[in-house]
Protein backbone atom coordinates (compact mmCIF):
# COMPACT_ATOMS: atom_id res chain seq x y z
CA MET A 1 17.03 -21.77 -6.29
CA ASN A 2 15.65 -18.22 -6.23
CA ARG A 3 12.67 -17.17 -4.09
CA ILE A 4 11.07 -14.21 -5.84
CA LYS A 5 8.16 -12.07 -4.68
CA ILE A 6 5.90 -10.79 -7.45
CA VAL A 7 2.60 -8.91 -7.48
CA LEU A 8 -0.27 -9.80 -9.81
CA SER A 9 -3.51 -7.84 -9.64
CA GLY A 10 -2.58 -6.48 -6.24
CA LYS A 11 -1.83 -9.88 -4.68
CA GLU A 12 1.68 -10.89 -3.67
CA TYR A 13 3.05 -14.31 -4.60
CA THR A 14 6.37 -15.96 -3.78
CA ILE A 15 7.81 -18.15 -6.52
CA GLN A 16 10.69 -20.59 -6.29
CA THR A 17 12.54 -20.94 -9.58
CA GLU A 18 15.91 -21.46 -11.20
CA GLU A 19 15.23 -18.46 -13.45
CA SER A 20 16.80 -15.09 -12.73
CA VAL A 21 15.05 -12.55 -10.52
CA THR A 22 15.06 -9.98 -13.33
CA TYR A 23 13.50 -12.37 -15.84
CA VAL A 24 10.70 -13.49 -13.51
CA LYS A 25 9.91 -9.93 -12.45
CA GLN A 26 9.72 -8.88 -16.11
CA LEU A 27 7.33 -11.77 -16.82
CA ALA A 28 5.19 -10.80 -13.84
CA GLU A 29 5.09 -7.14 -14.86
CA SER A 30 4.07 -8.06 -18.41
CA LEU A 31 1.38 -10.44 -17.18
CA ASP A 32 0.06 -7.89 -14.67
CA ALA A 33 -0.13 -5.26 -17.41
CA LYS A 34 -2.11 -7.63 -19.67
CA ILE A 35 -4.52 -8.45 -16.85
CA GLU A 36 -4.99 -4.77 -15.97
CA GLU A 37 -5.52 -3.87 -19.64
CA TYR A 38 -8.14 -6.60 -20.00
CA MET A 39 -9.92 -5.47 -16.85
CA SER A 40 -9.94 -1.84 -17.94
CA GLN A 41 -11.72 -2.84 -21.16
CA ASN A 42 -14.32 -4.96 -19.32
CA ASP A 43 -15.73 -3.11 -16.31
CA SER A 44 -17.78 -5.99 -14.91
CA ILE A 45 -15.20 -8.79 -15.20
CA SER A 46 -13.69 -10.40 -12.10
CA VAL A 47 -9.94 -10.69 -11.57
CA THR A 48 -10.23 -14.47 -11.83
CA SER A 49 -12.07 -14.32 -15.15
CA ALA A 50 -9.60 -11.76 -16.51
CA CYS A 51 -6.69 -14.02 -15.50
CA MET A 52 -8.27 -17.04 -17.18
CA LEU A 53 -8.99 -15.17 -20.42
CA VAL A 54 -5.52 -13.60 -20.51
CA SER A 55 -4.04 -17.08 -19.91
CA LEU A 56 -6.07 -18.52 -22.77
CA GLY A 57 -4.86 -15.76 -25.07
CA LEU A 58 -1.23 -16.32 -24.07
CA MET A 59 -1.55 -20.08 -24.62
CA ASP A 60 -3.02 -19.39 -28.05
CA ASP A 61 -0.01 -17.20 -28.83
CA CYS A 62 2.36 -20.00 -27.75
CA VAL A 63 0.60 -22.69 -29.77
CA CYS A 64 0.48 -20.44 -32.84
CA LEU A 65 4.24 -19.88 -32.55
CA LEU A 66 4.84 -23.63 -32.35
CA TYR A 67 2.81 -24.31 -35.47
CA THR A 68 4.31 -21.48 -37.49
CA SER A 69 7.95 -22.26 -36.61
């Protein structure tokens, strides 16, 4: 089991996972970039709201892939 430290929106998290360190860090970097992009386009949005809306968008992407496969 790997214990991996990642940073999302300036906050550090430690994750325990079977996945590789490189893979999880790449996921975290991609997610952080999406959150930061969303926040830069919406000056008054909170970090929490940005995270929820980015999550919703990512879930939509996943569901769309399932239905189109």
